[in-house]
Amino acid sequence: MTLAKIIYGSLTGNTEEMADIVCEALEKLDIEVEIDECTQVDAAEFNNADICVVGAYTYDEGTIPEEMLDLYEDLQELDLNGKVFGVCGSGDTFYEYYATAVDKFEEAFLTAGAKKGTEKIKVDLAAEKEDVQRLEAFASELVTACQAM
């Protein structure tokens, strides 16, 4: 069975909600899902997954949150050839650097050799109805990309 691993960091609960939406969408597509908060796991757990997902919020002026730095740094050291990935996260359009942690994690996955399975998703604060639909499509596209490998 195809396994998806979702690792997220969330300060306000917005990114956790996004990760939960992706998790539920993947499960509806008969994908086994493991979901964990970033301080509870290591990036190496992506080695056991077919689909790798990071949910990241952006802190302050475009920085990766401190509790996600180890995940970010370790991710770049992995060999994820043969894995499909997707990145989503929340941000606040009030800031000049909107949801840039999402961009940085996408780059980290590419550095690790994973295949981009879908476009990254950035949500302004909390997910609205249209964001939920985008996240469900995100999950579906990841499954399609994984099946094509």
Protein backbone atom coordinates (compact mmCIF):
# COMPACT_ATOMS: atom_id res chain seq x y z
CA MET A 1 0.00 0.00 0.00
CA THR A 2 1.17 3.51 -0.77
CA LEU A 3 2.36 5.40 2.31
CA ALA A 4 2.24 9.17 2.73
CA LYS A 5 4.19 10.92 5.46
CA ILE A 6 3.02 14.38 6.53
CA ILE A 7 5.18 16.45 8.84
CA TYR A 8 3.96 19.87 9.88
CA GLY A 9 4.74 22.78 12.15
CA SER A 10 1.98 25.02 13.42
CA LEU A 11 1.94 27.91 15.85
CA THR A 12 -1.67 29.06 15.54
CA GLY A 13 -3.25 25.81 14.37
CA ASN A 14 -3.73 27.00 10.78
CA THR A 15 -1.04 24.78 9.27
CA GLU A 16 -2.08 21.84 11.43
CA GLU A 17 -5.59 22.21 10.00
CA MET A 18 -4.14 22.22 6.48
CA ALA A 19 -2.15 19.05 7.23
CA ASP A 20 -5.32 17.40 8.56
CA ILE A 21 -7.24 18.31 5.39
CA VAL A 22 -4.50 16.78 3.22
CA CYS A 23 -4.40 13.71 5.47
CA GLU A 24 -8.16 13.14 5.18
CA ALA A 25 -8.08 13.67 1.40
CA LEU A 26 -5.27 11.12 1.01
CA GLU A 27 -7.07 8.59 3.19
CA LYS A 28 -10.20 8.95 1.03
CA LEU A 29 -7.95 7.97 -1.90
CA ASP A 30 -6.93 4.76 -0.07
CA ILE A 31 -3.50 6.03 0.90
CA GLU A 32 -2.04 5.02 4.26
CA VAL A 33 -1.04 8.23 6.07
CA GLU A 34 1.28 8.96 8.96
CA ILE A 35 1.02 12.53 10.23
CA ASP A 36 3.28 14.06 12.86
CA GLU A 37 4.13 17.42 14.36
CA CYS A 38 7.69 18.42 13.40
CA THR A 39 9.21 18.20 16.90
CA GLN A 40 8.07 14.58 17.28
CA VAL A 41 9.88 13.07 14.26
CA ASP A 42 13.01 13.21 12.14
CA ALA A 43 13.24 14.00 8.43
CA ALA A 44 14.66 10.50 7.84
CA GLU A 45 11.12 9.14 8.28
CA PHE A 46 10.47 10.36 4.74
CA ASN A 47 12.72 7.48 3.59
CA ASN A 48 9.90 5.03 4.37
CA ALA A 49 7.20 6.97 2.52
CA ASP A 50 6.15 7.09 -1.11
CA ILE A 51 4.55 10.54 -0.77
CA CYS A 52 6.25 13.18 1.38
CA VAL A 53 4.43 16.31 2.56
CA VAL A 54 5.57 19.22 4.68
CA GLY A 55 3.17 21.75 6.12
CA ALA A 56 5.10 24.84 7.20
CA TYR A 57 4.16 28.24 8.51
CA THR A 58 6.40 31.23 8.01
CA TYR A 59 7.62 33.11 11.05
CA ASP A 60 8.22 36.84 11.35
CA GLU A 61 9.94 38.28 8.29
CA GLY A 62 10.13 35.19 6.11
CA THR A 63 12.05 32.80 8.32
CA ILE A 64 11.54 29.11 8.92
CA PRO A 65 10.27 28.59 12.47
CA GLU A 66 12.96 27.52 14.92
CA GLU A 67 11.20 24.22 15.70
CA MET A 68 11.32 23.33 11.97
CA LEU A 69 14.99 24.16 11.34
CA ASP A 70 16.30 20.65 12.08
CA LEU A 71 13.70 19.17 9.72
CA TYR A 72 14.65 21.67 7.03
CA GLU A 73 18.41 21.10 7.37
CA ASP A 74 18.16 17.30 7.65
CA LEU A 75 15.77 17.08 4.69
CA GLN A 76 18.44 18.48 2.38
CA GLU A 77 20.82 15.69 3.40
CA LEU A 78 18.45 12.85 2.44
CA ASP A 79 18.34 10.91 -0.82
CA LEU A 80 14.66 10.98 -1.75
CA ASN A 81 14.97 9.80 -5.35
CA GLY A 82 11.81 7.88 -6.21
CA LYS A 83 9.69 9.86 -3.75
CA VAL A 84 6.96 12.36 -4.62
CA PHE A 85 6.59 15.50 -2.53
CA GLY A 86 4.29 18.41 -1.90
CA VAL A 87 4.54 21.45 0.34
CA CYS A 88 1.79 23.58 1.79
CA GLY A 89 1.63 26.18 4.50
CA SER A 90 0.07 29.23 5.99
CA GLY A 91 1.29 32.77 5.98
CA ASP A 92 0.04 36.29 6.41
CA THR A 93 -0.13 38.64 3.43
CA PHE A 94 0.45 41.49 5.87
CA TYR A 95 4.15 40.61 5.81
CA GLU A 96 6.49 41.42 2.94
CA TYR A 97 7.71 37.81 2.80
CA TYR A 98 4.51 35.83 2.41
CA ALA A 99 4.73 32.13 3.30
CA THR A 100 8.36 31.86 2.20
CA ALA A 101 8.95 28.77 4.38
CA VAL A 102 6.84 26.90 1.82
CA ASP A 103 9.28 27.94 -0.92
CA LYS A 104 12.29 26.95 1.18
CA PHE A 105 10.92 23.49 1.94
CA GLU A 106 10.14 22.96 -1.72
CA GLU A 107 13.78 23.76 -2.54
CA ALA A 108 14.93 21.37 0.20
CA PHE A 109 12.91 18.51 -1.29
CA LEU A 110 14.34 19.22 -4.74
CA THR A 111 17.85 19.22 -3.25
CA ALA A 112 17.08 15.80 -1.76
CA GLY A 113 16.14 14.49 -5.22
CA ALA A 114 12.40 14.08 -4.67
CA LYS A 115 9.97 14.63 -7.54
CA LYS A 116 7.56 17.54 -7.28
CA GLY A 117 4.11 15.95 -7.37
CA THR A 118 2.01 19.11 -7.39
CA GLU A 119 2.22 22.87 -7.04
CA LYS A 120 2.85 24.23 -3.56
CA ILE A 121 -0.07 25.78 -1.74
CA LYS A 122 0.07 28.92 0.35
CA VAL A 123 -2.92 29.92 2.46
CA ASP A 124 -3.45 33.37 3.94
CA LEU A 125 -4.00 32.65 7.63
CA ALA A 126 -6.76 30.00 8.02
CA ALA A 127 -8.08 27.78 5.23
CA GLU A 128 -11.33 28.96 3.67
CA LYS A 129 -13.69 26.81 1.57
CA GLU A 130 -11.73 27.40 -1.66
CA ASP A 131 -8.47 26.56 0.14
CA VAL A 132 -9.94 23.26 1.33
CA GLN A 133 -10.78 22.43 -2.29
CA ARG A 134 -7.24 23.34 -3.37
CA LEU A 135 -5.78 21.14 -0.63
CA GLU A 136 -7.98 18.21 -1.65
CA ALA A 137 -6.81 18.64 -5.27
CA PHE A 138 -3.22 18.87 -3.96
CA ALA A 139 -3.64 15.45 -2.33
CA SER A 140 -5.17 13.96 -5.47
CA GLU A 141 -2.35 15.28 -7.65
CA LEU A 142 0.24 13.79 -5.30
CA VAL A 143 -1.40 10.38 -5.62
CA THR A 144 -1.55 10.65 -9.40
CA ALA A 145 2.13 11.63 -9.56
CA CYS A 146 3.09 8.76 -7.26
CA GLN A 147 1.16 6.24 -9.37
CA ALA A 148 2.89 7.54 -12.51
CA MET A 149 6.34 6.73 -11.11
